[in-house]
N, C-alpha and C. Protein backbone atom coordinates (compact mmCIF):
# COMPACT_ATOMS: atom_id res chain seq x y z
N MET A 1 -5.64 30.98 -30.47
CA MET A 1 -5.93 29.67 -30.98
C MET A 1 -6.67 28.89 -29.89
N ALA A 2 -7.82 28.35 -30.26
CA ALA A 2 -8.62 27.59 -29.30
C ALA A 2 -8.03 26.21 -29.12
N SER A 3 -8.11 25.71 -27.90
CA SER A 3 -7.60 24.36 -27.65
C SER A 3 -8.71 23.35 -27.93
N MET A 4 -8.30 22.13 -28.18
CA MET A 4 -9.29 21.08 -28.42
C MET A 4 -9.02 19.93 -27.47
N ASP A 5 -10.08 19.20 -27.18
CA ASP A 5 -9.89 18.05 -26.31
C ASP A 5 -9.52 16.82 -27.15
N GLU A 6 -9.28 15.72 -26.49
CA GLU A 6 -8.81 14.51 -27.16
C GLU A 6 -9.81 13.98 -28.19
N GLU A 7 -11.11 14.01 -27.84
CA GLU A 7 -12.13 13.53 -28.77
C GLU A 7 -12.19 14.39 -30.02
N GLU A 8 -12.09 15.70 -29.87
CA GLU A 8 -12.10 16.59 -31.04
C GLU A 8 -10.88 16.33 -31.92
N PHE A 9 -9.74 16.11 -31.30
CA PHE A 9 -8.51 15.81 -32.06
C PHE A 9 -8.68 14.51 -32.83
N ASP A 10 -9.18 13.48 -32.17
CA ASP A 10 -9.39 12.20 -32.83
C ASP A 10 -10.36 12.33 -34.00
N ALA A 11 -11.43 13.09 -33.81
CA ALA A 11 -12.41 13.30 -34.88
C ALA A 11 -11.78 14.03 -36.06
N MET A 12 -10.96 15.04 -35.77
CA MET A 12 -10.31 15.80 -36.82
C MET A 12 -9.33 14.93 -37.60
N MET A 13 -8.62 14.04 -36.90
CA MET A 13 -7.61 13.20 -37.53
C MET A 13 -8.19 11.94 -38.15
N GLY A 14 -9.49 11.74 -37.95
CA GLY A 14 -10.11 10.54 -38.50
C GLY A 14 -9.76 9.29 -37.70
N ALA A 15 -9.25 9.48 -36.52
CA ALA A 15 -8.87 8.34 -35.68
C ALA A 15 -10.09 7.76 -35.01
N ARG A 16 -9.95 6.52 -34.63
CA ARG A 16 -11.01 5.88 -33.87
C ARG A 16 -10.43 5.49 -32.52
N PRO A 17 -11.29 5.28 -31.55
CA PRO A 17 -10.79 4.91 -30.22
C PRO A 17 -10.00 3.59 -30.28
N PHE A 18 -9.03 3.49 -29.42
CA PHE A 18 -8.22 2.28 -29.29
C PHE A 18 -9.03 1.28 -28.49
N GLY A 19 -9.36 0.16 -29.11
CA GLY A 19 -10.25 -0.80 -28.46
C GLY A 19 -9.57 -2.10 -28.09
N LEU A 20 -10.37 -3.01 -27.58
CA LEU A 20 -9.89 -4.30 -27.12
C LEU A 20 -9.25 -5.09 -28.27
N GLU A 21 -9.85 -5.06 -29.43
CA GLU A 21 -9.27 -5.79 -30.57
C GLU A 21 -7.92 -5.20 -30.97
N ASP A 22 -7.79 -3.89 -30.86
CA ASP A 22 -6.50 -3.24 -31.14
C ASP A 22 -5.45 -3.74 -30.16
N ALA A 23 -5.84 -3.83 -28.89
CA ALA A 23 -4.90 -4.30 -27.86
C ALA A 23 -4.52 -5.76 -28.12
N ARG A 24 -5.48 -6.57 -28.48
CA ARG A 24 -5.19 -7.98 -28.79
C ARG A 24 -4.25 -8.11 -29.99
N ARG A 25 -4.50 -7.31 -31.02
CA ARG A 25 -3.66 -7.35 -32.21
C ARG A 25 -2.23 -6.93 -31.88
N LEU A 26 -2.08 -5.86 -31.10
CA LEU A 26 -0.73 -5.41 -30.72
C LEU A 26 -0.03 -6.42 -29.82
N GLU A 27 -0.77 -7.04 -28.93
CA GLU A 27 -0.17 -8.06 -28.06
C GLU A 27 0.31 -9.25 -28.89
N ALA A 28 -0.50 -9.69 -29.84
CA ALA A 28 -0.10 -10.81 -30.71
C ALA A 28 1.13 -10.43 -31.53
N GLN A 29 1.16 -9.21 -32.04
CA GLN A 29 2.31 -8.74 -32.81
C GLN A 29 3.55 -8.69 -31.93
N TRP A 30 3.41 -8.21 -30.71
CA TRP A 30 4.55 -8.15 -29.79
C TRP A 30 5.07 -9.55 -29.48
N HIS A 31 4.17 -10.48 -29.22
CA HIS A 31 4.59 -11.86 -28.94
C HIS A 31 5.30 -12.47 -30.14
N ARG A 32 4.79 -12.20 -31.32
CA ARG A 32 5.43 -12.73 -32.54
C ARG A 32 6.84 -12.17 -32.69
N SER A 33 7.00 -10.87 -32.46
CA SER A 33 8.33 -10.24 -32.54
C SER A 33 9.27 -10.80 -31.48
N ALA A 34 8.76 -10.97 -30.27
CA ALA A 34 9.59 -11.50 -29.19
C ALA A 34 10.03 -12.93 -29.49
N THR A 35 9.13 -13.73 -30.03
CA THR A 35 9.48 -15.11 -30.39
C THR A 35 10.53 -15.12 -31.49
N LEU A 36 10.33 -14.29 -32.51
CA LEU A 36 11.31 -14.21 -33.59
C LEU A 36 12.66 -13.76 -33.06
N GLY A 37 12.67 -12.74 -32.20
CA GLY A 37 13.92 -12.26 -31.63
C GLY A 37 14.64 -13.35 -30.86
N ASN A 38 13.92 -14.09 -30.04
CA ASN A 38 14.55 -15.17 -29.28
C ASN A 38 15.13 -16.24 -30.19
N LEU A 39 14.40 -16.59 -31.24
CA LEU A 39 14.89 -17.61 -32.16
C LEU A 39 16.09 -17.11 -32.99
N LEU A 40 16.05 -15.87 -33.38
CA LEU A 40 17.09 -15.31 -34.23
C LEU A 40 18.36 -14.99 -33.45
N TRP A 41 18.21 -14.45 -32.25
CA TRP A 41 19.35 -13.99 -31.47
C TRP A 41 19.92 -15.03 -30.52
N GLY A 42 19.10 -15.99 -30.13
CA GLY A 42 19.55 -16.95 -29.13
C GLY A 42 19.52 -16.32 -27.74
N MET A 43 20.18 -16.99 -26.80
CA MET A 43 20.11 -16.55 -25.41
C MET A 43 21.43 -16.00 -24.88
N THR A 44 22.51 -16.16 -25.62
CA THR A 44 23.81 -15.76 -25.10
C THR A 44 24.54 -14.87 -26.10
N SER A 45 25.59 -14.24 -25.62
CA SER A 45 26.46 -13.45 -26.50
C SER A 45 27.10 -14.34 -27.56
N ALA A 46 27.41 -15.58 -27.17
CA ALA A 46 28.00 -16.52 -28.13
C ALA A 46 27.02 -16.82 -29.27
N ASP A 47 25.72 -16.88 -28.95
CA ASP A 47 24.72 -17.09 -30.00
C ASP A 47 24.70 -15.92 -30.97
N LEU A 48 24.76 -14.71 -30.45
CA LEU A 48 24.81 -13.53 -31.32
C LEU A 48 26.07 -13.53 -32.18
N GLN A 49 27.19 -13.86 -31.56
CA GLN A 49 28.45 -13.90 -32.30
C GLN A 49 28.40 -14.93 -33.42
N ARG A 50 27.83 -16.10 -33.13
CA ARG A 50 27.69 -17.14 -34.15
C ARG A 50 26.86 -16.64 -35.33
N GLN A 51 25.77 -15.95 -35.04
CA GLN A 51 24.93 -15.41 -36.12
C GLN A 51 25.69 -14.38 -36.95
N LEU A 52 26.51 -13.57 -36.28
CA LEU A 52 27.26 -12.53 -36.99
C LEU A 52 28.44 -13.11 -37.78
N LEU A 53 28.97 -14.22 -37.35
CA LEU A 53 30.10 -14.85 -38.06
C LEU A 53 29.66 -15.62 -39.30
N ALA A 54 28.40 -16.02 -39.33
CA ALA A 54 27.89 -16.80 -40.46
C ALA A 54 27.76 -15.91 -41.69
N PRO A 55 27.81 -16.51 -42.89
CA PRO A 55 27.63 -15.72 -44.11
C PRO A 55 26.30 -14.96 -44.11
N TYR A 56 25.28 -15.56 -43.53
CA TYR A 56 24.00 -14.91 -43.29
C TYR A 56 23.40 -15.57 -42.05
N PRO A 57 22.55 -14.86 -41.32
CA PRO A 57 21.99 -15.45 -40.10
C PRO A 57 21.13 -16.67 -40.40
N GLU A 58 21.08 -17.57 -39.44
CA GLU A 58 20.16 -18.70 -39.52
C GLU A 58 18.75 -18.14 -39.39
N ILE A 59 17.92 -18.37 -40.39
CA ILE A 59 16.60 -17.76 -40.46
C ILE A 59 15.56 -18.73 -39.90
N PRO A 60 14.87 -18.34 -38.83
CA PRO A 60 13.81 -19.21 -38.29
C PRO A 60 12.67 -19.33 -39.30
N SER A 61 12.10 -20.52 -39.41
CA SER A 61 10.99 -20.72 -40.35
C SER A 61 9.69 -20.21 -39.74
N GLY A 62 8.73 -19.97 -40.63
CA GLY A 62 7.39 -19.58 -40.18
C GLY A 62 7.20 -18.08 -40.01
N PHE A 63 8.18 -17.29 -40.42
CA PHE A 63 8.08 -15.84 -40.28
C PHE A 63 8.23 -15.19 -41.65
N ALA A 64 7.45 -14.14 -41.86
CA ALA A 64 7.49 -13.38 -43.11
C ALA A 64 8.50 -12.23 -43.00
N LEU A 65 8.86 -11.69 -44.14
CA LEU A 65 9.77 -10.54 -44.16
C LEU A 65 9.21 -9.39 -43.31
N ALA A 66 7.91 -9.21 -43.33
CA ALA A 66 7.28 -8.14 -42.52
C ALA A 66 7.55 -8.36 -41.04
N ASP A 67 7.61 -9.61 -40.59
CA ASP A 67 7.91 -9.90 -39.19
C ASP A 67 9.33 -9.43 -38.84
N PHE A 68 10.26 -9.64 -39.75
CA PHE A 68 11.64 -9.21 -39.52
C PHE A 68 11.73 -7.69 -39.49
N ARG A 69 10.95 -7.03 -40.34
CA ARG A 69 10.95 -5.56 -40.34
C ARG A 69 10.34 -5.01 -39.06
N ASP A 70 9.29 -5.65 -38.56
CA ASP A 70 8.72 -5.25 -37.27
C ASP A 70 9.76 -5.40 -36.16
N LEU A 71 10.45 -6.53 -36.18
CA LEU A 71 11.49 -6.78 -35.17
C LEU A 71 12.61 -5.75 -35.29
N GLN A 72 12.97 -5.38 -36.50
CA GLN A 72 14.02 -4.39 -36.70
C GLN A 72 13.62 -3.04 -36.09
N ARG A 73 12.39 -2.62 -36.32
CA ARG A 73 11.92 -1.35 -35.74
C ARG A 73 11.98 -1.40 -34.22
N THR A 74 11.54 -2.50 -33.66
CA THR A 74 11.55 -2.65 -32.20
C THR A 74 12.97 -2.67 -31.67
N ALA A 75 13.83 -3.46 -32.30
CA ALA A 75 15.22 -3.57 -31.83
C ALA A 75 15.95 -2.23 -31.95
N ASP A 76 15.73 -1.52 -33.04
CA ASP A 76 16.36 -0.20 -33.20
C ASP A 76 15.91 0.75 -32.10
N ARG A 77 14.62 0.73 -31.80
CA ARG A 77 14.08 1.60 -30.75
C ARG A 77 14.68 1.23 -29.39
N LEU A 78 14.74 -0.06 -29.10
CA LEU A 78 15.30 -0.51 -27.82
C LEU A 78 16.79 -0.21 -27.73
N ALA A 79 17.51 -0.33 -28.84
CA ALA A 79 18.94 -0.01 -28.83
C ALA A 79 19.16 1.46 -28.53
N ARG A 80 18.33 2.33 -29.10
CA ARG A 80 18.43 3.77 -28.81
C ARG A 80 18.14 4.04 -27.34
N LEU A 81 17.10 3.44 -26.83
CA LEU A 81 16.74 3.64 -25.42
C LEU A 81 17.82 3.09 -24.49
N ALA A 82 18.43 1.98 -24.86
CA ALA A 82 19.46 1.36 -24.00
C ALA A 82 20.67 2.27 -23.84
N ARG A 83 20.90 3.16 -24.80
CA ARG A 83 22.02 4.10 -24.70
C ARG A 83 21.69 5.29 -23.80
N ASP A 84 20.43 5.47 -23.47
CA ASP A 84 19.98 6.59 -22.64
C ASP A 84 20.12 6.20 -21.17
N PRO A 85 20.88 6.96 -20.39
CA PRO A 85 21.08 6.62 -18.97
C PRO A 85 19.79 6.51 -18.17
N ARG A 86 18.73 7.15 -18.63
CA ARG A 86 17.45 7.07 -17.91
C ARG A 86 16.84 5.67 -17.99
N TYR A 87 17.32 4.87 -18.94
CA TYR A 87 16.78 3.53 -19.13
C TYR A 87 17.85 2.48 -18.85
N SER A 88 18.54 2.63 -17.75
CA SER A 88 19.65 1.73 -17.43
C SER A 88 19.18 0.28 -17.26
N ALA A 89 17.96 0.07 -16.82
CA ALA A 89 17.44 -1.30 -16.68
C ALA A 89 17.34 -1.97 -18.05
N LEU A 90 16.95 -1.22 -19.06
CA LEU A 90 16.87 -1.77 -20.41
C LEU A 90 18.26 -2.14 -20.91
N ALA A 91 19.22 -1.29 -20.65
CA ALA A 91 20.59 -1.59 -21.06
C ALA A 91 21.07 -2.87 -20.39
N ALA A 92 20.72 -3.04 -19.12
CA ALA A 92 21.13 -4.25 -18.40
C ALA A 92 20.52 -5.50 -19.02
N MET A 93 19.30 -5.38 -19.54
CA MET A 93 18.66 -6.52 -20.20
C MET A 93 19.44 -6.94 -21.43
N GLY A 94 20.16 -6.00 -22.03
CA GLY A 94 20.93 -6.29 -23.23
C GLY A 94 22.31 -6.83 -22.94
N ARG A 95 22.61 -7.15 -21.70
CA ARG A 95 23.92 -7.64 -21.28
C ARG A 95 25.01 -6.66 -21.75
N PRO A 96 24.96 -5.40 -21.24
CA PRO A 96 25.85 -4.37 -21.74
C PRO A 96 27.32 -4.66 -21.51
N SER A 97 27.63 -5.49 -20.52
CA SER A 97 29.04 -5.76 -20.27
C SER A 97 29.64 -6.64 -21.36
N ALA A 98 28.77 -7.32 -22.09
CA ALA A 98 29.25 -8.20 -23.15
C ALA A 98 29.56 -7.39 -24.40
N THR A 99 30.76 -7.52 -24.89
CA THR A 99 31.12 -6.95 -26.17
C THR A 99 31.28 -8.11 -27.14
N ILE A 100 30.56 -8.06 -28.22
CA ILE A 100 30.62 -9.13 -29.21
C ILE A 100 31.58 -8.69 -30.30
N THR A 101 32.63 -9.46 -30.47
CA THR A 101 33.66 -9.14 -31.45
C THR A 101 33.52 -10.07 -32.64
N VAL A 102 33.49 -9.46 -33.82
CA VAL A 102 33.41 -10.21 -35.07
C VAL A 102 34.44 -9.60 -36.00
N GLY A 103 35.55 -10.29 -36.17
CA GLY A 103 36.65 -9.72 -36.95
C GLY A 103 37.17 -8.48 -36.26
N THR A 104 37.13 -7.37 -36.97
CA THR A 104 37.59 -6.11 -36.39
C THR A 104 36.45 -5.28 -35.81
N GLU A 105 35.22 -5.78 -35.94
CA GLU A 105 34.06 -5.03 -35.44
C GLU A 105 33.71 -5.46 -34.02
N GLN A 106 33.25 -4.49 -33.24
CA GLN A 106 32.78 -4.76 -31.89
C GLN A 106 31.37 -4.20 -31.76
N PHE A 107 30.52 -4.97 -31.10
CA PHE A 107 29.12 -4.61 -30.93
C PHE A 107 28.73 -4.74 -29.46
N THR A 108 27.84 -3.85 -29.01
CA THR A 108 27.14 -4.12 -27.75
C THR A 108 26.10 -5.19 -28.08
N ALA A 109 25.47 -5.74 -27.06
CA ALA A 109 24.46 -6.76 -27.31
C ALA A 109 23.31 -6.21 -28.17
N TRP A 110 22.84 -5.00 -27.87
CA TRP A 110 21.75 -4.43 -28.66
C TRP A 110 22.20 -4.12 -30.08
N GLU A 111 23.40 -3.61 -30.26
CA GLU A 111 23.92 -3.36 -31.61
C GLU A 111 24.02 -4.65 -32.39
N ALA A 112 24.46 -5.71 -31.73
CA ALA A 112 24.58 -7.02 -32.40
C ALA A 112 23.21 -7.52 -32.83
N ARG A 113 22.22 -7.37 -31.97
CA ARG A 113 20.87 -7.80 -32.32
C ARG A 113 20.37 -7.05 -33.55
N CYS A 114 20.56 -5.74 -33.55
CA CYS A 114 20.14 -4.93 -34.70
C CYS A 114 20.84 -5.37 -35.98
N GLU A 115 22.12 -5.66 -35.88
CA GLU A 115 22.90 -6.08 -37.04
C GLU A 115 22.44 -7.44 -37.55
N VAL A 116 22.14 -8.35 -36.66
CA VAL A 116 21.65 -9.68 -37.07
C VAL A 116 20.33 -9.54 -37.83
N VAL A 117 19.42 -8.72 -37.32
CA VAL A 117 18.14 -8.51 -38.00
C VAL A 117 18.37 -7.85 -39.35
N ARG A 118 19.24 -6.86 -39.41
CA ARG A 118 19.54 -6.18 -40.68
C ARG A 118 20.06 -7.17 -41.71
N ARG A 119 20.97 -8.03 -41.29
CA ARG A 119 21.54 -9.03 -42.20
C ARG A 119 20.50 -10.06 -42.63
N ALA A 120 19.63 -10.44 -41.71
CA ALA A 120 18.58 -11.40 -42.05
C ALA A 120 17.64 -10.79 -43.09
N ILE A 121 17.27 -9.53 -42.91
CA ILE A 121 16.40 -8.86 -43.89
C ILE A 121 17.09 -8.79 -45.24
N GLY A 122 18.36 -8.41 -45.25
CA GLY A 122 19.11 -8.35 -46.51
C GLY A 122 19.12 -9.69 -47.21
N TYR A 123 19.34 -10.76 -46.47
CA TYR A 123 19.33 -12.10 -47.05
C TYR A 123 17.95 -12.45 -47.62
N LEU A 124 16.91 -12.18 -46.85
CA LEU A 124 15.55 -12.52 -47.29
C LEU A 124 15.14 -11.71 -48.51
N GLU A 125 15.58 -10.47 -48.60
CA GLU A 125 15.22 -9.65 -49.76
C GLU A 125 15.88 -10.15 -51.04
N LYS A 126 17.02 -10.82 -50.91
CA LYS A 126 17.73 -11.34 -52.09
C LYS A 126 17.23 -12.69 -52.56
N ARG A 127 16.51 -13.40 -51.68
CA ARG A 127 16.02 -14.75 -52.05
C ARG A 127 14.92 -14.67 -53.05
């Protein structure tokens, strides 16, 4: 089997080069997700707990359901990485020592974030 270089692979797959506009679009999307996450999750474990204790999370205005789904994909990915010992710095960003208790359930900070986003999406889908 002959090997192919990156350009041949891209041509075969119909891909185009990743350009400046692609980078700008991804950066804007990342900033939007980060802003939504900060507004939805708050800054402390108590903020996460408050969101989880509510019948449904407090939904920040100005965001579409697609924004919440983007945030969910990112949060799920980060939660998986935070469990990997190779990414201990990421786990530390999630305040791993904090256990958020809601009734009989206990969450790590990243698990709580994922759950808040999941609940927000469920609420928005029902509206």
